[in-house]
Protein backbone atom coordinates (compact mmCIF):
# COMPACT_ATOMS: atom_id res chain seq x y z
CA UNK A 1 -32.86 17.49 -11.48
CA UNK A 2 -30.26 14.86 -10.61
CA UNK A 3 -27.46 17.33 -11.32
CA UNK A 4 -29.07 19.85 -8.97
CA UNK A 5 -29.47 17.25 -6.25
CA UNK A 6 -25.85 16.07 -6.56
CA UNK A 7 -24.56 19.66 -6.53
CA UNK A 8 -26.58 20.35 -3.40
CA UNK A 9 -25.30 17.14 -1.78
CA UNK A 10 -21.67 18.06 -2.53
CA UNK A 11 -22.24 21.58 -1.21
CA UNK A 12 -23.63 20.22 2.07
CA UNK A 13 -20.72 17.81 2.32
CA UNK A 14 -18.24 20.63 1.71
CA UNK A 15 -19.92 22.75 4.37
CA UNK A 16 -19.95 19.95 6.96
CA UNK A 17 -16.33 18.95 6.38
CA UNK A 18 -15.19 22.59 6.43
CA UNK A 19 -17.13 23.33 9.63
CA UNK A 20 -16.11 20.31 11.66
CA UNK A 21 -12.73 19.20 10.32
CA UNK A 22 -10.97 22.04 8.57
CA UNK A 23 -11.03 24.80 11.17
CA UNK A 24 -8.13 25.75 13.39
CA UNK A 25 -4.48 24.81 13.47
CA UNK A 26 -4.98 21.07 13.93
CA UNK A 27 -7.23 20.32 10.97
CA UNK A 28 -4.73 17.82 9.59
CA UNK A 29 -4.77 15.89 12.86
CA UNK A 30 -8.59 15.77 12.84
CA UNK A 31 -8.72 14.52 9.24
CA UNK A 32 -6.10 11.88 10.08
CA UNK A 33 -8.07 10.69 13.12
CA UNK A 34 -11.30 10.48 11.11
CA UNK A 35 -9.52 8.52 8.37
CA UNK A 36 -8.13 5.98 10.85
CA UNK A 37 -11.51 5.68 12.57
CA UNK A 38 -13.19 4.94 9.23
CA UNK A 39 -10.62 2.20 8.56
CA UNK A 40 -11.48 0.50 11.85
CA UNK A 41 -15.20 0.86 11.16
CA UNK A 42 -15.13 -0.62 7.68
CA UNK A 43 -12.30 -3.17 8.00
CA UNK A 44 -11.97 -4.19 11.61
CA UNK A 45 -8.75 -6.16 12.30
CA UNK A 46 -8.92 -9.73 13.56
CA UNK A 47 -7.53 -8.96 17.00
CA UNK A 48 -8.98 -12.21 18.34
CA UNK A 49 -5.86 -13.86 16.85
CA UNK A 50 -3.94 -12.56 19.84
CA UNK A 51 -6.44 -14.08 22.28
CA UNK A 52 -6.19 -17.56 20.81
CA UNK A 53 -3.48 -19.40 22.73
CA UNK A 54 -3.60 -22.23 20.20
CA UNK A 55 -2.83 -19.96 17.25
CA UNK A 56 -0.21 -21.53 14.97
CA UNK A 57 -0.20 -19.04 12.11
CA UNK A 58 2.75 -20.03 9.93
CA UNK A 59 3.59 -16.40 9.15
CA UNK A 60 3.89 -15.75 12.89
CA UNK A 61 6.18 -18.77 13.24
CA UNK A 62 8.38 -17.51 10.41
CA UNK A 63 8.68 -14.03 11.90
CA UNK A 64 9.45 -15.41 15.33
CA UNK A 65 12.23 -17.64 14.04
CA UNK A 66 13.60 -14.92 11.77
CA UNK A 67 13.82 -12.38 14.58
CA UNK A 68 15.88 -14.86 16.56
CA UNK A 69 18.36 -15.21 13.70
CA UNK A 70 17.91 -12.32 11.19
CA UNK A 71 20.82 -13.28 8.96
CA UNK A 72 20.36 -17.02 9.02
CA UNK A 73 18.25 -19.02 6.58
CA UNK A 74 14.83 -19.72 8.03
CA UNK A 75 13.60 -23.21 7.18
CA UNK A 76 9.94 -22.38 7.77
CA UNK A 77 8.02 -22.95 4.53
CA UNK A 78 5.98 -20.05 3.21
CA UNK A 79 4.92 -21.34 -0.18
CA UNK A 80 6.44 -19.58 -3.18
CA UNK A 81 8.13 -16.63 -1.50
CA UNK A 82 10.06 -18.02 1.45
CA UNK A 83 13.46 -17.12 0.00
CA UNK A 84 12.45 -13.52 -0.65
CA UNK A 85 11.13 -13.19 2.90
CA UNK A 86 14.62 -14.11 4.06
CA UNK A 87 15.71 -10.65 2.86
CA UNK A 88 12.79 -8.54 4.12
CA UNK A 89 14.94 -7.48 7.03
CA UNK A 90 13.67 -4.01 7.98
CA UNK A 91 10.75 -5.16 10.17
CA UNK A 92 12.79 -8.12 11.43
CA UNK A 93 15.61 -5.93 12.72
CA UNK A 94 13.12 -3.51 14.26
CA UNK A 95 11.39 -6.37 16.05
CA UNK A 96 14.77 -7.57 17.31
CA UNK A 97 14.79 -4.86 19.96
CA UNK A 98 12.20 -6.91 21.90
CA UNK A 99 12.67 -10.14 23.81
CA UNK A 100 12.50 -12.77 21.06
CA UNK A 101 11.45 -15.65 23.27
CA UNK A 102 7.75 -14.75 23.10
CA UNK A 103 6.15 -15.07 19.68
CA UNK A 104 2.98 -13.14 20.47
CA UNK A 105 4.97 -10.22 21.90
CA UNK A 106 7.09 -10.01 18.76
CA UNK A 107 4.03 -10.11 16.52
CA UNK A 108 2.22 -7.65 18.77
CA UNK A 109 5.09 -5.17 18.51
CA UNK A 110 5.16 -5.39 14.71
CA UNK A 111 1.38 -5.01 14.55
CA UNK A 112 1.57 -1.93 16.78
CA UNK A 113 4.30 -0.43 14.60
CA UNK A 114 2.18 -1.05 11.50
CA UNK A 115 -0.73 0.75 13.17
CA UNK A 116 1.50 3.71 14.04
CA UNK A 117 2.84 3.76 10.49
CA UNK A 118 -0.77 3.73 9.31
CA UNK A 119 -1.57 6.86 11.31
CA UNK A 120 1.55 8.54 9.95
CA UNK A 121 0.70 7.33 6.44
CA UNK A 122 -2.69 9.08 6.46
CA UNK A 123 -1.13 12.25 7.84
CA UNK A 124 1.54 12.28 5.12
CA UNK A 125 -1.04 11.58 2.40
CA UNK A 126 -3.01 14.60 3.60
CA UNK A 127 0.10 16.75 3.90
CA UNK A 128 1.30 15.91 0.41
CA UNK A 129 -2.14 16.31 -1.18
CA UNK A 130 -2.43 19.74 0.43
CA UNK A 131 1.04 20.73 -0.81
CA UNK A 132 0.00 19.74 -4.33
CA UNK A 133 -3.45 21.35 -4.42
CA UNK A 134 -3.28 24.09 -1.75
CA UNK A 135 -6.92 23.19 -1.11
CA UNK A 136 -8.09 21.83 2.26
CA UNK A 137 -11.26 20.26 0.90
CA UNK A 138 -9.65 18.43 -2.01
CA UNK A 139 -6.76 17.17 0.09
CA UNK A 140 -9.11 16.05 2.89
CA UNK A 141 -11.38 14.14 0.51
CA UNK A 142 -8.34 12.59 -1.16
CA UNK A 143 -6.96 11.44 2.21
CA UNK A 144 -10.27 10.18 3.63
CA UNK A 145 -10.79 8.12 0.47
CA UNK A 146 -7.72 6.06 1.38
CA UNK A 147 -9.77 4.76 4.33
CA UNK A 148 -11.94 2.83 1.89
CA UNK A 149 -9.24 1.15 -0.21
CA UNK A 150 -6.85 -1.70 0.53
CA UNK A 151 -3.77 0.54 0.68
CA UNK A 152 -4.99 2.49 3.69
CA UNK A 153 -6.64 -0.45 5.41
CA UNK A 154 -3.75 -2.89 5.33
CA UNK A 155 -1.79 -0.98 8.00
CA UNK A 156 -4.49 -1.93 10.49
CA UNK A 157 -5.84 -5.15 9.00
CA UNK A 158 -2.53 -7.01 8.67
CA UNK A 159 -2.36 -9.00 11.91
CA UNK A 160 -0.81 -11.96 10.10
CA UNK A 161 2.43 -9.95 9.85
CA UNK A 162 3.03 -10.18 6.12
CA UNK A 163 4.50 -6.74 6.84
CA UNK A 164 4.21 -5.10 3.42
CA UNK A 165 2.76 -1.95 5.09
CA UNK A 166 6.37 -1.20 6.06
CA UNK A 167 7.11 -0.94 2.32
CA UNK A 168 4.06 1.27 1.74
CA UNK A 169 5.12 3.67 4.47
CA UNK A 170 8.75 4.03 3.42
CA UNK A 171 7.70 4.43 -0.23
CA UNK A 172 5.41 7.31 0.76
CA UNK A 173 8.20 8.80 2.84
CA UNK A 174 10.44 8.73 -0.25
CA UNK A 175 7.68 10.54 -2.15
CA UNK A 176 7.08 13.19 0.52
CA UNK A 177 10.60 14.09 1.58
CA UNK A 178 12.78 16.79 0.10
CA UNK A 179 15.70 15.88 2.33
CA UNK A 180 18.47 13.78 0.76
CA UNK A 181 19.51 11.83 3.89
CA UNK A 182 15.84 11.07 4.66
CA UNK A 183 15.39 9.89 1.08
CA UNK A 184 18.41 7.60 1.36
CA UNK A 185 17.06 6.10 4.58
CA UNK A 186 13.53 5.77 3.14
CA UNK A 187 14.73 3.90 0.06
CA UNK A 188 17.08 1.74 2.11
CA UNK A 189 14.40 0.70 4.59
CA UNK A 190 11.79 0.36 1.83
CA UNK A 191 13.91 -1.91 -0.35
CA UNK A 192 14.71 -4.12 2.64
CA UNK A 193 11.06 -4.21 3.67
CA UNK A 194 9.97 -5.85 0.42
CA UNK A 195 11.84 -6.40 -2.85
CA UNK A 196 8.77 -5.34 -4.82
CA UNK A 197 9.42 -1.81 -3.57
CA UNK A 198 12.61 -1.87 -5.60
CA UNK A 199 10.99 -3.46 -8.65
CA UNK A 200 8.29 -0.77 -8.90
CA UNK A 201 10.47 2.14 -7.73
CA UNK A 202 11.27 3.64 -11.19
CA UNK A 203 7.93 5.45 -10.83
CA UNK A 204 9.65 7.65 -8.25
CA UNK A 205 11.92 9.13 -10.92
CA UNK A 206 8.92 10.69 -12.69
CA UNK A 207 7.63 12.06 -9.39
CA UNK A 208 10.92 13.72 -8.55
CA UNK A 209 11.17 15.12 -12.09
CA UNK A 210 7.72 16.72 -11.85
CA UNK A 211 7.58 17.72 -8.20
CA UNK A 212 11.13 18.64 -7.19
CA UNK A 213 13.07 19.08 -10.46
CA UNK A 214 15.74 21.11 -8.69
CA UNK A 215 16.75 18.00 -6.72
CA UNK A 216 16.19 15.45 -9.45
CA UNK A 217 19.88 14.75 -10.10
CA UNK A 218 20.75 14.42 -6.42
CA UNK A 219 17.74 12.20 -5.71
CA UNK A 220 18.43 10.06 -8.77
CA UNK A 221 22.00 9.51 -7.58
CA UNK A 222 20.75 8.48 -4.14
CA UNK A 223 18.31 6.12 -5.83
CA UNK A 224 21.01 4.48 -7.98
CA UNK A 225 23.34 4.12 -4.98
CA UNK A 226 20.58 2.37 -3.04
CA UNK A 227 19.96 -0.09 -5.89
CA UNK A 228 23.63 -1.07 -6.08
CA UNK A 229 23.83 -1.21 -2.30
CA UNK A 230 20.80 -3.49 -2.11
CA UNK A 231 22.09 -6.02 -4.62
CA UNK A 232 25.61 -5.88 -3.21
CA UNK A 233 24.50 -6.50 0.37
CA UNK A 234 21.99 -9.12 -0.73
CA UNK A 235 24.68 -11.01 -2.61
CA UNK A 236 26.99 -10.78 0.42
CA UNK A 237 24.28 -12.14 2.71
CA UNK A 238 23.53 -14.89 0.20
CA UNK A 239 27.19 -15.87 0.04
CA UNK A 240 28.05 -15.78 3.74
CA UNK A 241 24.83 -16.01 5.75
CA UNK A 242 21.50 -16.76 4.07
CA UNK A 243 22.72 -19.70 2.05
CA UNK A 244 20.64 -21.78 -0.30
CA UNK A 245 20.47 -22.52 -3.99
CA UNK A 246 17.52 -20.20 -4.66
CA UNK A 247 17.85 -17.60 -1.94
CA UNK A 248 19.48 -14.84 -4.04
CA UNK A 249 17.00 -14.67 -6.92
CA UNK A 250 14.24 -12.05 -6.80
CA UNK A 251 11.49 -14.04 -8.47
CA UNK A 252 9.58 -16.46 -6.20
CA UNK A 253 9.02 -19.24 -8.72
CA UNK A 254 11.15 -22.28 -9.36
CA UNK A 255 11.68 -21.21 -12.98
CA UNK A 256 10.87 -18.15 -15.04
CA UNK A 257 8.28 -20.17 -16.94
CA UNK A 258 6.30 -20.64 -13.72
CA UNK A 259 5.53 -16.94 -13.80
CA UNK A 260 3.64 -17.34 -17.06
CA UNK A 261 1.84 -20.44 -15.84
CA UNK A 262 0.66 -18.54 -12.76
CA UNK A 263 -0.45 -15.65 -14.98
CA UNK A 264 -2.29 -18.12 -17.20
CA UNK A 265 -4.00 -19.80 -14.25
CA UNK A 266 -5.15 -16.46 -12.85
CA UNK A 267 -6.25 -15.00 -16.17
CA UNK A 268 -9.94 -15.05 -15.21
CA UNK A 269 -9.13 -13.06 -12.05
CA UNK A 270 -7.39 -10.19 -13.84
CA UNK A 271 -10.32 -7.76 -14.35
CA UNK A 272 -11.51 -7.79 -10.74
CA UNK A 273 -8.04 -8.38 -9.33
CA UNK A 274 -6.79 -5.22 -11.04
CA UNK A 275 -9.61 -3.17 -9.56
CA UNK A 276 -9.24 -4.30 -5.95
CA UNK A 277 -6.09 -2.42 -4.79
CA UNK A 278 -7.38 1.05 -5.70
CA UNK A 279 -11.12 0.68 -6.48
CA UNK A 280 -12.37 4.21 -7.33
CA UNK A 281 -8.83 5.58 -7.40
CA UNK A 282 -8.37 3.72 -10.66
CA UNK A 283 -9.72 6.97 -12.15
CA UNK A 284 -6.33 8.48 -11.33
CA UNK A 285 -4.49 5.60 -13.00
CA UNK A 286 -6.63 6.01 -16.13
CA UNK A 287 -5.83 9.72 -16.18
CA UNK A 288 -2.15 8.86 -15.73
CA UNK A 289 -2.26 6.80 -18.93
CA UNK A 290 -3.82 9.79 -20.70
CA UNK A 291 -1.14 12.15 -19.40
CA UNK A 292 1.59 9.67 -20.35
CA UNK A 293 0.24 9.63 -23.93
CA UNK A 294 -0.03 13.42 -24.06
CA UNK A 295 3.56 13.80 -22.87
CA UNK A 296 5.01 12.11 -25.97
CA UNK A 297 6.11 15.46 -27.44
CA UNK A 298 7.48 16.90 -24.19
CA UNK A 299 10.92 16.74 -22.60
CA UNK A 300 9.54 14.60 -19.78
CA UNK A 301 8.26 11.87 -22.09
CA UNK A 302 11.06 9.42 -21.28
CA UNK A 303 10.19 9.60 -17.58
CA UNK A 304 6.49 9.17 -18.28
CA UNK A 305 7.36 6.23 -20.51
CA UNK A 306 9.53 4.65 -17.81
CA UNK A 307 6.72 5.03 -15.26
CA UNK A 308 4.18 3.64 -17.72
CA UNK A 309 6.36 0.60 -18.48
CA UNK A 310 6.80 0.06 -14.71
CA UNK A 311 3.02 0.31 -14.36
CA UNK A 312 2.51 -2.40 -16.99
CA UNK A 313 5.27 -4.50 -15.47
CA UNK A 314 3.63 -4.23 -12.06
CA UNK A 315 0.37 -5.54 -13.52
CA UNK A 316 2.14 -8.55 -15.02
CA UNK A 317 4.26 -9.26 -11.93
CA UNK A 318 1.31 -8.92 -9.57
CA UNK A 319 -0.65 -11.60 -11.44
CA UNK A 320 2.41 -13.79 -11.88
CA UNK A 321 2.42 -14.39 -8.14
CA UNK A 322 -0.47 -15.08 -5.81
CA UNK A 323 -0.05 -11.98 -3.64
CA UNK A 324 -1.75 -9.76 -6.22
CA UNK A 325 -3.46 -7.01 -4.23
CA UNK A 326 -0.52 -6.27 -1.93
CA UNK A 327 1.90 -6.17 -4.87
CA UNK A 328 -0.11 -3.90 -7.13
CA UNK A 329 -0.78 -1.43 -4.30
CA UNK A 330 2.92 -0.49 -4.40
CA UNK A 331 2.38 1.60 -7.55
CA UNK A 332 0.41 4.14 -5.48
CA UNK A 333 2.88 7.01 -6.18
CA UNK A 334 1.11 7.23 -9.54
CA UNK A 335 -1.92 8.59 -7.66
CA UNK A 336 0.08 11.61 -6.50
CA UNK A 337 1.63 12.09 -9.92
CA UNK A 338 -1.85 12.22 -11.45
CA UNK A 339 -3.13 14.56 -8.73
CA UNK A 340 -0.20 16.85 -9.51
CA UNK A 341 -0.98 16.77 -13.24
CA UNK A 342 -4.70 17.34 -12.66
CA UNK A 343 -3.98 20.33 -10.46
CA UNK A 344 -1.63 21.70 -13.11
CA UNK A 345 -3.94 21.28 -16.10
CA UNK A 346 -7.54 21.35 -14.81
CA UNK A 347 -9.79 23.61 -12.76
CA UNK A 348 -10.12 23.09 -8.98
CA UNK A 349 -13.79 22.21 -9.45
CA UNK A 350 -12.94 19.43 -11.89
CA UNK A 351 -10.18 18.10 -9.63
CA UNK A 352 -12.53 18.06 -6.64
CA UNK A 353 -15.20 16.23 -8.64
CA UNK A 354 -12.69 13.60 -9.72
CA UNK A 355 -11.56 13.08 -6.13
CA UNK A 356 -15.13 12.90 -4.81
CA UNK A 357 -16.08 10.41 -7.53
CA UNK A 358 -13.10 8.21 -6.65
CA UNK A 359 -13.95 8.36 -2.95
CA UNK A 360 -17.64 7.55 -3.52
CA UNK A 361 -16.83 4.54 -5.72
CA UNK A 362 -14.38 3.28 -3.11
CA UNK A 363 -16.93 3.79 -0.34
CA UNK A 364 -19.62 1.72 -2.07
CA UNK A 365 -17.22 -0.91 -3.42
CA UNK A 366 -16.44 -3.54 -0.74
CA UNK A 367 -12.72 -4.03 -0.16
CA UNK A 368 -11.50 -7.51 -1.01
CA UNK A 369 -7.97 -8.79 -0.70
CA UNK A 370 -6.99 -11.16 -3.52
CA UNK A 371 -4.32 -13.80 -2.97
CA UNK A 372 -5.37 -16.63 -5.23
CA UNK A 373 -8.78 -16.28 -3.58
CA UNK A 374 -10.91 -13.37 -2.38
CA UNK A 375 -11.08 -12.30 1.26
CA UNK A 376 -13.48 -9.59 2.35
CA UNK A 377 -11.90 -7.03 4.69
CA UNK A 378 -15.14 -7.00 6.65
CA UNK A 379 -16.55 -4.06 8.65
CA UNK A 380 -16.91 -3.94 12.42
CA UNK A 381 -20.60 -4.83 12.26
CA UNK A 382 -20.01 -7.97 10.15
CA UNK A 383 -19.68 -10.51 12.98
CA UNK A 384 -22.62 -9.23 15.11
CA UNK A 385 -24.92 -9.16 12.08
CA UNK A 386 -23.80 -12.60 10.88
CA UNK A 387 -24.14 -14.17 14.32
CA UNK A 388 -27.56 -12.57 14.78
CA UNK A 389 -28.74 -14.09 11.53
CA UNK A 390 -27.30 -17.44 12.62
CA UNK A 391 -29.16 -17.21 15.94
CA UNK A 392 -32.43 -16.43 14.16
CA UNK A 393 -31.95 -19.37 11.80
CA UNK A 394 -31.10 -21.77 14.64
CA UNK A 395 -34.03 -20.55 16.70
CA UNK A 396 -36.84 -20.26 14.18
CA UNK A 397 -35.84 -22.26 11.10
CA UNK A 398 -36.00 -26.00 11.50
CA UNK A 399 -34.98 -28.31 8.70
C-alpha cells in the first residue's frame, strides 16, 4: 500500500514537473529560476545588514581594507585564517573595479556577484546533469535538490562576504568545461578564491579521467601548471608584498599540532557536522565509496584511490578548522562523479529514485551552517512567525 502510494506520488510529481517546467526550448532557464526561488524561500539572506548604518562586521572591514591594497598585508584580525585570506585575491581584484572609499558599495558589489554566480551555478549543475543522464526529469530533480543544501544556498545567503561561493563557482566551471583555456582560467581563479580549492582539487583528476578521457593528459598538464603557478606567485607575494612570518603557510593554525587539538575539541560535532554540507546528497558520497572499492581491479583504480584519499583528507581538514561546512562543501565534484557512475551502471528508474530520495531528505532536513557552532539558514517565514509568537506571548502571557 505504501509502495503504491509513493509510486503514485512520484508519478504525479513527474507529470507536474514535465508539464510546467520541461516543455519548450527554455526549460533549463525555468528550472534554474525555480531553484533560485526555492533558495530564497527556504534560506532568506540577511539583507537588513545593508540597512544598518552602524554595522561593523569585521569581515566587511577586512574586505574593504583589502580592496584598497590587494597586495599589502591587511592587519585586520580574522581569527585563525587571516593570513590565508591575504591570498584569496580573486574576489578582491574583481571588487577593485569599484570605488573603494565606500565599504557598503564594495560589499554590495561582491554580494551581487555571488548572487549572479549562484544563478549560473544552478544552470551549470542542470546542464551537466543533463549531459550525464540525457534525462530532463533526473537532471531537473538533481538541480532543484541543490536549493535545499548548503552548497546551493550559500551563493545567496553569504552577505558577510566570506566569499567561498567564488571557489564553488570556479570549481564547477572546471568540472563543466571541455575548453583548455577556460579550464586554465577556472583553476587559476578558483585557487586564488580559496586555498581549499587547491587542497581538494585532486578529485578533478578522476572526473576528467571518467568524463573526458580524450583530454585527460592536456587537462592534467593545465592542472599541474596551475599548482606550480599558484605556489610560485604566492611565494613571490609573500617575499615582496604580503610580508609576515606566517603569511605563506597554507594551514591556519599556529602549529601543526593545533590541527589535531581542534579536531579533538570538535570530535562530538563530527557526525552532524559531516551531514550538514550535503544532507540527502550524502547518498551519492556513500555510493562513491562503493564505486571506489569496486574499482580496485580496474585501470582507473589509482584515480579512484586518489579521489578517495582526498575525500578522507577533506573530512579531517574540515574538522581541523572551525569553518567546517564551507570547507567540506568543496568536495561536491564527487556528486557528479557518482551520478556519472550511477548512470553508467544502473537503470534510469533506480537513478531517478536515488536522486528523488536525496532531494526529499534534503528538503525535510533543515540546513544548518556549522562553524564551531550551529546557525540555521532560516526560511523567509522565520522572522514573521517568530515575531508573531513573541507578540502573542507579550500580549497574553504574563509572568
